[in-house]
C-alpha atoms as a PDB file:
ATOM      1  CA  UNK A   1      46.411   2.623 -78.472  1.00  0.00           C
ATOM      2  CA  UNK A   2      49.440   0.927 -77.094  1.00  0.00           C
ATOM      3  CA  UNK A   3      50.301  -2.676 -77.497  1.00  0.00           C
ATOM      4  CA  UNK A   4      49.948  -4.187 -74.070  1.00  0.00           C
ATOM      5  CA  UNK A   5      52.770  -5.658 -72.040  1.00  0.00           C
ATOM      6  CA  UNK A   6      50.975  -8.998 -72.360  1.00  0.00           C
ATOM      7  CA  UNK A   7      51.147  -8.740 -76.159  1.00  0.00           C
ATOM      8  CA  UNK A   8      54.874  -7.944 -75.957  1.00  0.00           C
ATOM      9  CA  UNK A   9      55.399 -10.957 -73.697  1.00  0.00           C
ATOM     10  CA  UNK A  10      53.401 -13.215 -76.035  1.00  0.00           C
ATOM     11  CA  UNK A  11      55.654 -12.317 -78.968  1.00  0.00           C
ATOM     12  CA  UNK A  12      58.703 -12.997 -76.789  1.00  0.00           C
ATOM     13  CA  UNK A  13      57.295 -16.376 -75.667  1.00  0.00           C
ATOM     14  CA  UNK A  14      56.755 -17.339 -79.295  1.00  0.00           C
ATOM     15  CA  UNK A  15      60.268 -16.155 -80.194  1.00  0.00           C
ATOM     16  CA  UNK A  16      61.777 -18.403 -77.518  1.00  0.00           C
ATOM     17  CA  UNK A  17      59.756 -21.392 -78.691  1.00  0.00           C
ATOM     18  CA  UNK A  18      60.806 -20.813 -82.309  1.00  0.00           C
ATOM     19  CA  UNK A  19      63.871 -22.984 -81.632  1.00  0.00           C
ATOM     20  CA  UNK A  20      61.586 -25.980 -82.087  1.00  0.00           C
ATOM     21  CA  UNK A  21      62.262 -27.312 -78.603  1.00  0.00           C
ATOM     22  CA  UNK A  22      59.582 -28.226 -76.108  1.00  0.00           C
ATOM     23  CA  UNK A  23      60.072 -25.930 -73.116  1.00  0.00           C
ATOM     24  CA  UNK A  24      58.480 -25.630 -69.713  1.00  0.00           C
ATOM     25  CA  UNK A  25      56.833 -22.407 -68.626  1.00  0.00           C
ATOM     26  CA  UNK A  26      59.591 -21.876 -66.060  1.00  0.00           C
ATOM     27  CA  UNK A  27      62.269 -22.261 -68.745  1.00  0.00           C
ATOM     28  CA  UNK A  28      60.496 -19.798 -71.064  1.00  0.00           C
ATOM     29  CA  UNK A  29      60.028 -17.269 -68.269  1.00  0.00           C
ATOM     30  CA  UNK A  30      63.685 -17.615 -67.255  1.00  0.00           C
ATOM     31  CA  UNK A  31      65.021 -17.194 -70.813  1.00  0.00           C
ATOM     32  CA  UNK A  32      62.848 -14.157 -71.504  1.00  0.00           C
ATOM     33  CA  UNK A  33      62.987 -12.826 -67.919  1.00  0.00           C
ATOM     34  CA  UNK A  34      59.202 -12.732 -67.681  1.00  0.00           C
ATOM     35  CA  UNK A  35      57.036 -13.269 -64.593  1.00  0.00           C
ATOM     36  CA  UNK A  36      56.126 -16.957 -64.303  1.00  0.00           C
ATOM     37  CA  UNK A  37      52.391 -16.343 -63.710  1.00  0.00           C
ATOM     38  CA  UNK A  38      52.115 -14.110 -66.775  1.00  0.00           C
ATOM     39  CA  UNK A  39      54.079 -16.585 -68.900  1.00  0.00           C
ATOM     40  CA  UNK A  40      51.771 -19.397 -67.796  1.00  0.00           C
ATOM     41  CA  UNK A  41      48.662 -17.335 -68.605  1.00  0.00           C
ATOM     42  CA  UNK A  42      50.021 -16.406 -72.043  1.00  0.00           C
ATOM     43  CA  UNK A  43      51.050 -19.960 -72.982  1.00  0.00           C
ATOM     44  CA  UNK A  44      47.551 -21.187 -72.110  1.00  0.00           C
ATOM     45  CA  UNK A  45      45.971 -18.511 -74.333  1.00  0.00           C
ATOM     46  CA  UNK A  46      48.344 -19.291 -77.205  1.00  0.00           C
ATOM     47  CA  UNK A  47      47.616 -23.007 -76.851  1.00  0.00           C
ATOM     48  CA  UNK A  48      43.836 -22.459 -76.890  1.00  0.00           C
ATOM     49  CA  UNK A  49      44.272 -20.319 -80.015  1.00  0.00           C
ATOM     50  CA  UNK A  50      46.081 -23.170 -81.770  1.00  0.00           C
ATOM     51  CA  UNK A  51      49.523 -21.558 -81.928  1.00  0.00           C
ATOM     52  CA  UNK A  52      51.138 -23.823 -79.321  1.00  0.00           C
ATOM     53  CA  UNK A  53      50.839 -27.468 -78.439  1.00  0.00           C
ATOM     54  CA  UNK A  54      51.354 -28.733 -74.920  1.00  0.00           C
ATOM     55  CA  UNK A  55      53.080 -31.876 -73.745  1.00  0.00           C
ATOM     56  CA  UNK A  56      52.352 -33.426 -70.376  1.00  0.00           C
ATOM     57  CA  UNK A  57      54.703 -35.169 -67.995  1.00  0.00           C
ATOM     58  CA  UNK A  58      58.093 -34.523 -66.437  1.00  0.00           C
ATOM     59  CA  UNK A  59      59.609 -33.577 -69.803  1.00  0.00           C
ATOM     60  CA  UNK A  60      56.490 -31.684 -70.821  1.00  0.00           C
ATOM     61  CA  UNK A  61      56.020 -28.102 -71.805  1.00  0.00           C
ATOM     62  CA  UNK A  62      55.051 -26.123 -74.871  1.00  0.00           C
ATOM     63  CA  UNK A  63      56.172 -26.024 -78.492  1.00  0.00           C
ATOM     64  CA  UNK A  64      55.066 -24.172 -81.603  1.00  0.00           C
ATOM     65  CA  UNK A  65      52.247 -25.944 -83.400  1.00  0.00           C
ATOM     66  CA  UNK A  66      53.343 -24.526 -86.775  1.00  0.00           C
ATOM     67  CA  UNK A  67      56.595 -23.386 -88.301  1.00  0.00           C
ATOM     68  CA  UNK A  68      57.628 -19.856 -87.273  1.00  0.00           C
ATOM     69  CA  UNK A  69      57.518 -18.800 -90.945  1.00  0.00           C
ATOM     70  CA  UNK A  70      53.771 -19.593 -90.980  1.00  0.00           C
ATOM     71  CA  UNK A  71      52.904 -17.589 -87.845  1.00  0.00           C
ATOM     72  CA  UNK A  72      52.418 -13.850 -88.236  1.00  0.00           C
ATOM     73  CA  UNK A  73      52.696 -11.122 -85.630  1.00  0.00           C
ATOM     74  CA  UNK A  74      48.992 -10.530 -86.231  1.00  0.00           C
ATOM     75  CA  UNK A  75      48.237 -14.169 -85.306  1.00  0.00           C
ATOM     76  CA  UNK A  76      49.964 -13.643 -81.964  1.00  0.00           C
ATOM     77  CA  UNK A  77      48.623 -10.168 -81.205  1.00  0.00           C
ATOM     78  CA  UNK A  78      44.942 -10.971 -81.800  1.00  0.00           C
ATOM     79  CA  UNK A  79      45.124 -13.804 -79.271  1.00  0.00           C
ATOM     80  CA  UNK A  80      45.987 -11.247 -76.615  1.00  0.00           C
ATOM     81  CA  UNK A  81      44.245  -8.162 -78.059  1.00  0.00           C
ATOM     82  CA  UNK A  82      41.251  -9.215 -80.194  1.00  0.00           C
ATOM     83  CA  UNK A  83      40.676  -5.577 -81.176  1.00  0.00           C
ATOM     84  CA  UNK A  84      43.813  -3.917 -82.489  1.00  0.00           C
ATOM     85  CA  UNK A  85      42.782  -0.281 -82.313  1.00  0.00           C
ATOM     86  CA  UNK A  86      44.791   2.871 -82.863  1.00  0.00           C
ATOM     87  CA  UNK A  87      42.192   5.005 -81.039  1.00  0.00           C
ATOM     88  CA  UNK A  88      39.276   4.080 -78.801  1.00  0.00           C
ATOM     89  CA  UNK A  89      36.890   5.705 -81.296  1.00  0.00           C
ATOM     90  CA  UNK A  90      37.857   3.007 -83.823  1.00  0.00           C
ATOM     91  CA  UNK A  91      35.936   0.424 -81.812  1.00  0.00           C
ATOM     92  CA  UNK A  92      32.831  -0.824 -83.597  1.00  0.00           C
ATOM     93  CA  UNK A  93      29.700   0.808 -82.257  1.00  0.00           C
ATOM     94  CA  UNK A  94      31.581   3.706 -80.657  1.00  0.00           C
ATOM     95  CA  UNK A  95      29.624   6.920 -80.957  1.00  0.00           C
ATOM     96  CA  UNK A  96      31.408  10.241 -81.389  1.00  0.00           C
ATOM     97  CA  UNK A  97      29.540  13.512 -81.944  1.00  0.00           C
ATOM     98  CA  UNK A  98      32.456  14.801 -84.039  1.00  0.00           C
ATOM     99  CA  UNK A  99      32.259  11.874 -86.486  1.00  0.00           C
ATOM    100  CA  UNK A 100      28.982  11.705 -88.388  1.00  0.00           C
ATOM    101  CA  UNK A 101      27.993  10.570 -91.867  1.00  0.00           C
ATOM    102  CA  UNK A 102      27.326  14.178 -92.841  1.00  0.00           C
ATOM    103  CA  UNK A 103      30.616  15.431 -91.443  1.00  0.00           C
ATOM    104  CA  UNK A 104      33.281  12.731 -90.940  1.00  0.00           C
ATOM    105  CA  UNK A 105      36.011  13.488 -88.409  1.00  0.00           C
ATOM    106  CA  UNK A 106      39.345  13.994 -90.185  1.00  0.00           C
ATOM    107  CA  UNK A 107      41.267  12.582 -87.222  1.00  0.00           C
ATOM    108  CA  UNK A 108      39.116   9.438 -87.254  1.00  0.00           C
ATOM    109  CA  UNK A 109      39.595   9.044 -91.023  1.00  0.00           C
ATOM    110  CA  UNK A 110      43.382   9.350 -90.731  1.00  0.00           C
ATOM    111  CA  UNK A 111      43.579   6.971 -87.775  1.00  0.00           C
ATOM    112  CA  UNK A 112      41.435   4.443 -89.671  1.00  0.00           C
ATOM    113  CA  UNK A 113      43.904   4.617 -92.562  1.00  0.00           C
ATOM    114  CA  UNK A 114      46.877   4.122 -90.223  1.00  0.00           C
ATOM    115  CA  UNK A 115      45.146   1.285 -88.377  1.00  0.00           C
ATOM    116  CA  UNK A 116      44.570  -0.516 -91.678  1.00  0.00           C
ATOM    117  CA  UNK A 117      48.272  -0.180 -92.562  1.00  0.00           C
ATOM    118  CA  UNK A 118      49.319  -1.433 -89.119  1.00  0.00           C
ATOM    119  CA  UNK A 119      47.106  -4.518 -89.369  1.00  0.00           C
ATOM    120  CA  UNK A 120      48.332  -5.250 -92.907  1.00  0.00           C
ATOM    121  CA  UNK A 121      51.953  -5.053 -91.708  1.00  0.00           C
ATOM    122  CA  UNK A 122      51.281  -7.319 -88.723  1.00  0.00           C
ATOM    123  CA  UNK A 123      49.702  -9.855 -91.096  1.00  0.00           C
ATOM    124  CA  UNK A 124      52.654  -9.600 -93.485  1.00  0.00           C
ATOM    125  CA  UNK A 125      55.448 -10.019 -90.920  1.00  0.00           C
ATOM    126  CA  UNK A 126      56.152 -13.595 -89.833  1.00  0.00           C
ATOM    127  CA  UNK A 127      57.598 -14.626 -86.493  1.00  0.00           C
ATOM    128  CA  UNK A 128      60.608 -16.034 -88.332  1.00  0.00           C
ATOM    129  CA  UNK A 129      61.404 -12.608 -89.789  1.00  0.00           C
ATOM    130  CA  UNK A 130      61.917 -11.031 -86.373  1.00  0.00           C
ATOM    131  CA  UNK A 131      63.928 -13.763 -84.675  1.00  0.00           C
ATOM    132  CA  UNK A 132      67.030 -12.893 -82.723  1.00  0.00           C
END
């Protein structure tokens, strides 16, 4: 599994907004050198998830809803990628003939262990810790 470009962009959007300023989508996309349409799509998702608040009007834009120390990388990533999976076979309900109750797949077991560590680390690391 790779983290998607959209997930990368979402973390960068949040990093830019960590200054505490209210910024327009065009300003965010210019600072981070991201495509405007993608930046707009991401800010809407982050707002719906409760990570950003929006302000209307000529001086409107987006700002963090919480302090950057209270927002984890996991919080951001799951907005974009609800299932953080190391391998496709980690998806709930996925059936693999090489992974059965009688004979568990060693690759699956190891990837499950690594996936757990990855998720724990994403939950542990705050946005503030990775700023500039």
